[in-house]
Amino acid sequence: MVYYFKTRPEAGDYTIFMGLDNYESEKLIKYDFPKDVWFHVDKMPSAHVFLRLHKGQTFDDIPKVVLEDCA
């Protein structure tokens, strides 16, 4: 099952998706949108986390509190 979360109210209206294992992560990768940003811990097994950006938004526009919610 793929999980999804909403960020804290003070962070704005963002949706975060997470796959708990490699099968769920593959589903997320297969169906991600071009404006999705994904995060993964380097060189360790962990979940893939996807952040759905708002229209016209870039990585540099992501508020720090949203990045903290993705961590």
PDB file of N, CA and C in Angstrom:
ATOM      1  N   MET A   1       0.832  -1.166   0.000  1.00  0.00           N
ATOM      2  CA  MET A   1       0.000   0.000   0.000  1.00  0.00           C
ATOM      3  C   MET A   1       0.888   1.245   0.000  1.00  0.00           C
ATOM      4  N   VAL A   2       0.579   2.184  -0.846  1.00  0.00           N
ATOM      5  CA  VAL A   2       1.282   3.459  -0.879  1.00  0.00           C
ATOM      6  C   VAL A   2       0.582   4.398   0.095  1.00  0.00           C
ATOM      7  N   TYR A   3       1.363   5.077   0.906  1.00  0.00           N
ATOM      8  CA  TYR A   3       0.812   6.005   1.890  1.00  0.00           C
ATOM      9  C   TYR A   3       0.890   7.427   1.360  1.00  0.00           C
ATOM     10  N   TYR A   4      -0.032   8.257   1.786  1.00  0.00           N
ATOM     11  CA  TYR A   4       0.083   9.671   1.472  1.00  0.00           C
ATOM     12  C   TYR A   4      -0.266  10.487   2.699  1.00  0.00           C
ATOM     13  N   PHE A   5       0.361  11.653   2.785  1.00  0.00           N
ATOM     14  CA  PHE A   5       0.215  12.528   3.934  1.00  0.00           C
ATOM     15  C   PHE A   5       0.033  13.952   3.444  1.00  0.00           C
ATOM     16  N   LYS A   6      -0.570  14.775   4.265  1.00  0.00           N
ATOM     17  CA  LYS A   6      -0.632  16.212   4.029  1.00  0.00           C
ATOM     18  C   LYS A   6       0.403  16.851   4.949  1.00  0.00           C
ATOM     19  N   THR A   7       1.045  17.920   4.484  1.00  0.00           N
ATOM     20  CA  THR A   7       2.012  18.618   5.317  1.00  0.00           C
ATOM     21  C   THR A   7       1.301  19.353   6.446  1.00  0.00           C
ATOM     22  N   ARG A   8       2.077  19.797   7.409  1.00  0.00           N
ATOM     23  CA  ARG A   8       1.528  20.578   8.519  1.00  0.00           C
ATOM     24  C   ARG A   8       0.810  21.810   7.978  1.00  0.00           C
ATOM     25  N   PRO A   9      -0.231  22.269   8.641  1.00  0.00           N
ATOM     26  CA  PRO A   9      -0.982  23.430   8.139  1.00  0.00           C
ATOM     27  C   PRO A   9      -0.108  24.651   7.877  1.00  0.00           C
ATOM     28  N   GLU A  10       0.870  24.902   8.727  1.00  0.00           N
ATOM     29  CA  GLU A  10       1.725  26.078   8.528  1.00  0.00           C
ATOM     30  C   GLU A  10       2.660  25.925   7.331  1.00  0.00           C
ATOM     31  N   ALA A  11       2.789  24.705   6.805  1.00  0.00           N
ATOM     32  CA  ALA A  11       3.655  24.461   5.650  1.00  0.00           C
ATOM     33  C   ALA A  11       2.944  24.733   4.329  1.00  0.00           C
ATOM     34  N   GLY A  12       1.642  24.819   4.354  1.00  0.00           N
ATOM     35  CA  GLY A  12       0.892  25.008   3.117  1.00  0.00           C
ATOM     36  C   GLY A  12       0.220  23.708   2.713  1.00  0.00           C
ATOM     37  N   ASP A  13      -0.384  23.721   1.563  1.00  0.00           N
ATOM     38  CA  ASP A  13      -1.149  22.563   1.088  1.00  0.00           C
ATOM     39  C   ASP A  13      -0.297  21.713   0.151  1.00  0.00           C
ATOM     40  N   TYR A  14       0.453  20.776   0.710  1.00  0.00           N
ATOM     41  CA  TYR A  14       1.297  19.871  -0.064  1.00  0.00           C
ATOM     42  C   TYR A  14       0.902  18.438   0.258  1.00  0.00           C
ATOM     43  N   THR A  15       1.062  17.556  -0.726  1.00  0.00           N
ATOM     44  CA  THR A  15       0.821  16.132  -0.520  1.00  0.00           C
ATOM     45  C   THR A  15       2.138  15.388  -0.653  1.00  0.00           C
ATOM     46  N   ILE A  16       2.395  14.488   0.291  1.00  0.00           N
ATOM     47  CA  ILE A  16       3.605  13.671   0.311  1.00  0.00           C
ATOM     48  C   ILE A  16       3.183  12.216   0.151  1.00  0.00           C
ATOM     49  N   PHE A  17       3.831  11.507  -0.769  1.00  0.00           N
ATOM     50  CA  PHE A  17       3.556  10.091  -1.005  1.00  0.00           C
ATOM     51  C   PHE A  17       4.769   9.284  -0.561  1.00  0.00           C
ATOM     52  N   MET A  18       4.535   8.064  -0.051  1.00  0.00           N
ATOM     53  CA  MET A  18       5.639   7.240   0.417  1.00  0.00           C
ATOM     54  C   MET A  18       5.340   5.770   0.172  1.00  0.00           C
ATOM     55  N   GLY A  19       6.327   5.074  -0.379  1.00  0.00           N
ATOM     56  CA  GLY A  19       6.256   3.630  -0.517  1.00  0.00           C
ATOM     57  C   GLY A  19       7.129   2.994   0.550  1.00  0.00           C
ATOM     58  N   LEU A  20       6.621   1.987   1.240  1.00  0.00           N
ATOM     59  CA  LEU A  20       7.373   1.400   2.347  1.00  0.00           C
ATOM     60  C   LEU A  20       8.390   0.353   1.922  1.00  0.00           C
ATOM     61  N   ASP A  21       8.238  -0.207   0.737  1.00  0.00           N
ATOM     62  CA  ASP A  21       9.213  -1.192   0.274  1.00  0.00           C
ATOM     63  C   ASP A  21       9.507  -0.941  -1.200  1.00  0.00           C
ATOM     64  N   ASN A  22      10.396  -1.756  -1.761  1.00  0.00           N
ATOM     65  CA  ASN A  22      10.814  -1.522  -3.142  1.00  0.00           C
ATOM     66  C   ASN A  22       9.674  -1.696  -4.141  1.00  0.00           C
ATOM     67  N   TYR A  23       8.709  -2.551  -3.852  1.00  0.00           N
ATOM     68  CA  TYR A  23       7.577  -2.743  -4.766  1.00  0.00           C
ATOM     69  C   TYR A  23       6.685  -1.502  -4.799  1.00  0.00           C
ATOM     70  N   GLU A  24       6.402  -0.964  -3.641  1.00  0.00           N
ATOM     71  CA  GLU A  24       5.590   0.246  -3.578  1.00  0.00           C
ATOM     72  C   GLU A  24       6.331   1.437  -4.175  1.00  0.00           C
ATOM     73  N   SER A  25       7.627   1.507  -3.931  1.00  0.00           N
ATOM     74  CA  SER A  25       8.422   2.594  -4.497  1.00  0.00           C
ATOM     75  C   SER A  25       8.435   2.524  -6.016  1.00  0.00           C
ATOM     76  N   GLU A  26       8.511   1.318  -6.562  1.00  0.00           N
ATOM     77  CA  GLU A  26       8.468   1.156  -8.018  1.00  0.00           C
ATOM     78  C   GLU A  26       7.147   1.656  -8.590  1.00  0.00           C
ATOM     79  N   LYS A  27       6.046   1.408  -7.882  1.00  0.00           N
ATOM     80  CA  LYS A  27       4.746   1.919  -8.331  1.00  0.00           C
ATOM     81  C   LYS A  27       4.752   3.443  -8.352  1.00  0.00           C
ATOM     82  N   LEU A  28       5.317   4.043  -7.321  1.00  0.00           N
ATOM     83  CA  LEU A  28       5.376   5.498  -7.273  1.00  0.00           C
ATOM     84  C   LEU A  28       6.229   6.056  -8.404  1.00  0.00           C
ATOM     85  N   ILE A  29       7.366   5.424  -8.659  1.00  0.00           N
ATOM     86  CA  ILE A  29       8.242   5.880  -9.739  1.00  0.00           C
ATOM     87  C   ILE A  29       7.538   5.747 -11.081  1.00  0.00           C
ATOM     88  N   LYS A  30       6.819   4.657 -11.265  1.00  0.00           N
ATOM     89  CA  LYS A  30       6.131   4.411 -12.534  1.00  0.00           C
ATOM     90  C   LYS A  30       5.048   5.446 -12.814  1.00  0.00           C
ATOM     91  N   TYR A  31       4.360   5.889 -11.776  1.00  0.00           N
ATOM     92  CA  TYR A  31       3.216   6.781 -11.964  1.00  0.00           C
ATOM     93  C   TYR A  31       3.450   8.204 -11.460  1.00  0.00           C
ATOM     94  N   ASP A  32       4.706   8.590 -11.269  1.00  0.00           N
ATOM     95  CA  ASP A  32       4.934   9.946 -10.775  1.00  0.00           C
ATOM     96  C   ASP A  32       4.648  10.978 -11.863  1.00  0.00           C
ATOM     97  N   PHE A  33       4.444  12.192 -11.441  1.00  0.00           N
ATOM     98  CA  PHE A  33       4.200  13.300 -12.344  1.00  0.00           C
ATOM     99  C   PHE A  33       5.504  14.064 -12.544  1.00  0.00           C
ATOM    100  N   PRO A  34       5.656  14.745 -13.681  1.00  0.00           N
ATOM    101  CA  PRO A  34       6.895  15.498 -13.918  1.00  0.00           C
ATOM    102  C   PRO A  34       7.196  16.524 -12.824  1.00  0.00           C
ATOM    103  N   LYS A  35       6.166  17.045 -12.175  1.00  0.00           N
ATOM    104  CA  LYS A  35       6.405  18.049 -11.136  1.00  0.00           C
ATOM    105  C   LYS A  35       6.637  17.432  -9.755  1.00  0.00           C
ATOM    106  N   ASP A  36       6.688  16.106  -9.660  1.00  0.00           N
ATOM    107  CA  ASP A  36       6.995  15.449  -8.387  1.00  0.00           C
ATOM    108  C   ASP A  36       8.496  15.506  -8.118  1.00  0.00           C
ATOM    109  N   VAL A  37       8.845  15.697  -6.863  1.00  0.00           N
ATOM    110  CA  VAL A  37      10.240  15.638  -6.427  1.00  0.00           C
ATOM    111  C   VAL A  37      10.345  14.429  -5.511  1.00  0.00           C
ATOM    112  N   TRP A  38      11.353  13.569  -5.738  1.00  0.00           N
ATOM    113  CA  TRP A  38      11.463  12.399  -4.868  1.00  0.00           C
ATOM    114  C   TRP A  38      12.743  12.448  -4.064  1.00  0.00           C
ATOM    115  N   PHE A  39      12.649  11.839  -2.882  1.00  0.00           N
ATOM    116  CA  PHE A  39      13.736  11.823  -1.916  1.00  0.00           C
ATOM    117  C   PHE A  39      14.009  10.375  -1.524  1.00  0.00           C
ATOM    118  N   HIS A  40      15.281  10.092  -1.278  1.00  0.00           N
ATOM    119  CA  HIS A  40      15.677   8.756  -0.833  1.00  0.00           C
ATOM    120  C   HIS A  40      16.999   8.887  -0.097  1.00  0.00           C
ATOM    121  N   VAL A  41      17.156   8.148   0.983  1.00  0.00           N
ATOM    122  CA  VAL A  41      18.406   8.155   1.734  1.00  0.00           C
ATOM    123  C   VAL A  41      19.481   7.500   0.880  1.00  0.00           C
ATOM    124  N   ASP A  42      20.644   8.117   0.800  1.00  0.00           N
ATOM    125  CA  ASP A  42      21.735   7.614  -0.028  1.00  0.00           C
ATOM    126  C   ASP A  42      22.421   6.423   0.637  1.00  0.00           C
ATOM    127  N   LYS A  43      22.610   5.363  -0.135  1.00  0.00           N
ATOM    128  CA  LYS A  43      23.380   4.174   0.257  1.00  0.00           C
ATOM    129  C   LYS A  43      22.800   3.413   1.454  1.00  0.00           C
ATOM    130  N   MET A  44      21.503   3.529   1.668  1.00  0.00           N
ATOM    131  CA  MET A  44      20.847   2.780   2.745  1.00  0.00           C
ATOM    132  C   MET A  44      19.455   2.387   2.280  1.00  0.00           C
ATOM    133  N   PRO A  45      18.949   1.246   2.733  1.00  0.00           N
ATOM    134  CA  PRO A  45      17.570   0.899   2.390  1.00  0.00           C
ATOM    135  C   PRO A  45      16.609   1.837   3.117  1.00  0.00           C
ATOM    136  N   SER A  46      15.693   2.394   2.367  1.00  0.00           N
ATOM    137  CA  SER A  46      14.704   3.291   2.968  1.00  0.00           C
ATOM    138  C   SER A  46      13.551   3.493   1.994  1.00  0.00           C
ATOM    139  N   ALA A  47      12.522   4.120   2.476  1.00  0.00           N
ATOM    140  CA  ALA A  47      11.358   4.410   1.642  1.00  0.00           C
ATOM    141  C   ALA A  47      11.676   5.530   0.655  1.00  0.00           C
ATOM    142  N   HIS A  48      11.012   5.493  -0.494  1.00  0.00           N
ATOM    143  CA  HIS A  48      11.044   6.616  -1.422  1.00  0.00           C
ATOM    144  C   HIS A  48       9.927   7.565  -1.007  1.00  0.00           C
ATOM    145  N   VAL A  49      10.232   8.830  -0.971  1.00  0.00           N
ATOM    146  CA  VAL A  49       9.253   9.851  -0.602  1.00  0.00           C
ATOM    147  C   VAL A  49       9.106  10.797  -1.784  1.00  0.00           C
ATOM    148  N   PHE A  50       7.871  11.046  -2.181  1.00  0.00           N
ATOM    149  CA  PHE A  50       7.577  11.932  -3.303  1.00  0.00           C
ATOM    150  C   PHE A  50       6.786  13.124  -2.804  1.00  0.00           C
ATOM    151  N   LEU A  51       7.183  14.303  -3.238  1.00  0.00           N
ATOM    152  CA  LEU A  51       6.475  15.531  -2.907  1.00  0.00           C
ATOM    153  C   LEU A  51       5.836  16.062  -4.176  1.00  0.00           C
ATOM    154  N   ARG A  52       4.551  16.284  -4.134  1.00  0.00           N
ATOM    155  CA  ARG A  52       3.820  16.835  -5.278  1.00  0.00           C
ATOM    156  C   ARG A  52       3.908  18.363  -5.207  1.00  0.00           C
ATOM    157  N   LEU A  53       4.621  18.963  -6.168  1.00  0.00           N
ATOM    158  CA  LEU A  53       4.765  20.414  -6.204  1.00  0.00           C
ATOM    159  C   LEU A  53       3.523  21.070  -6.785  1.00  0.00           C
ATOM    160  N   HIS A  54       3.362  22.333  -6.461  1.00  0.00           N
ATOM    161  CA  HIS A  54       2.275  23.113  -7.046  1.00  0.00           C
ATOM    162  C   HIS A  54       2.647  23.524  -8.468  1.00  0.00           C
ATOM    163  N   LYS A  55       1.665  23.837  -9.269  1.00  0.00           N
ATOM    164  CA  LYS A  55       1.891  24.223 -10.662  1.00  0.00           C
ATOM    165  C   LYS A  55       2.850  25.416 -10.722  1.00  0.00           C
ATOM    166  N   GLY A  56       3.883  25.281 -11.555  1.00  0.00           N
ATOM    167  CA  GLY A  56       4.860  26.341 -11.744  1.00  0.00           C
ATOM    168  C   GLY A  56       5.934  26.417 -10.674  1.00  0.00           C
ATOM    169  N   GLN A  57       5.863  25.567  -9.679  1.00  0.00           N
ATOM    170  CA  GLN A  57       6.822  25.594  -8.585  1.00  0.00           C
ATOM    171  C   GLN A  57       8.054  24.773  -8.937  1.00  0.00           C
ATOM    172  N   THR A  58       9.213  25.196  -8.434  1.00  0.00           N
ATOM    173  CA  THR A  58      10.458  24.460  -8.625  1.00  0.00           C
ATOM    174  C   THR A  58      10.982  24.001  -7.263  1.00  0.00           C
ATOM    175  N   PHE A  59      12.021  23.186  -7.290  1.00  0.00           N
ATOM    176  CA  PHE A  59      12.614  22.685  -6.052  1.00  0.00           C
ATOM    177  C   PHE A  59      13.041  23.832  -5.143  1.00  0.00           C
ATOM    178  N   ASP A  60      13.594  24.884  -5.729  1.00  0.00           N
ATOM    179  CA  ASP A  60      14.070  26.019  -4.935  1.00  0.00           C
ATOM    180  C   ASP A  60      12.943  26.764  -4.225  1.00  0.00           C
ATOM    181  N   ASP A  61      11.713  26.575  -4.668  1.00  0.00           N
ATOM    182  CA  ASP A  61      10.557  27.247  -4.062  1.00  0.00           C
ATOM    183  C   ASP A  61       9.970  26.486  -2.871  1.00  0.00           C
ATOM    184  N   ILE A  62      10.458  25.288  -2.597  1.00  0.00           N
ATOM    185  CA  ILE A  62       9.879  24.464  -1.531  1.00  0.00           C
ATOM    186  C   ILE A  62      10.254  25.056  -0.170  1.00  0.00           C
ATOM    187  N   PRO A  63       9.260  25.361   0.665  1.00  0.00           N
ATOM    188  CA  PRO A  63       9.561  25.894   2.002  1.00  0.00           C
ATOM    189  C   PRO A  63      10.317  24.868   2.862  1.00  0.00           C
ATOM    190  N   LYS A  64      11.153  25.369   3.750  1.00  0.00           N
ATOM    191  CA  LYS A  64      11.955  24.499   4.611  1.00  0.00           C
ATOM    192  C   LYS A  64      11.077  23.561   5.442  1.00  0.00           C
ATOM    193  N   VAL A  65       9.938  24.050   5.939  1.00  0.00           N
ATOM    194  CA  VAL A  65       9.073  23.195   6.762  1.00  0.00           C
ATOM    195  C   VAL A  65       8.515  22.024   5.956  1.00  0.00           C
ATOM    196  N   VAL A  66       8.331  22.208   4.656  1.00  0.00           N
ATOM    197  CA  VAL A  66       7.858  21.114   3.800  1.00  0.00           C
ATOM    198  C   VAL A  66       8.964  20.073   3.648  1.00  0.00           C
ATOM    199  N   LEU A  67      10.196  20.523   3.441  1.00  0.00           N
ATOM    200  CA  LEU A  67      11.324  19.590   3.348  1.00  0.00           C
ATOM    201  C   LEU A  67      11.484  18.809   4.651  1.00  0.00           C
ATOM    202  N   GLU A  68      11.258  19.467   5.775  1.00  0.00           N
ATOM    203  CA  GLU A  68      11.326  18.773   7.067  1.00  0.00           C
ATOM    204  C   GLU A  68      10.246  17.698   7.160  1.00  0.00           C
ATOM    205  N   ASP A  69       9.059  17.983   6.646  1.00  0.00           N
ATOM    206  CA  ASP A  69       7.990  16.981   6.659  1.00  0.00           C
ATOM    207  C   ASP A  69       8.334  15.787   5.769  1.00  0.00           C
ATOM    208  N   CYS A  70       9.098  16.008   4.719  1.00  0.00           N
ATOM    209  CA  CYS A  70       9.492  14.917   3.818  1.00  0.00           C
ATOM    210  C   CYS A  70      10.577  14.038   4.435  1.00  0.00           C
ATOM    211  N   ALA A  71      11.329  14.597   5.370  1.00  0.00           N
ATOM    212  CA  ALA A  71      12.440  13.861   5.982  1.00  0.00           C
ATOM    213  C   ALA A  71      11.961  12.877   6.931  1.00  0.00           C
TER     214      ALA A  71
END
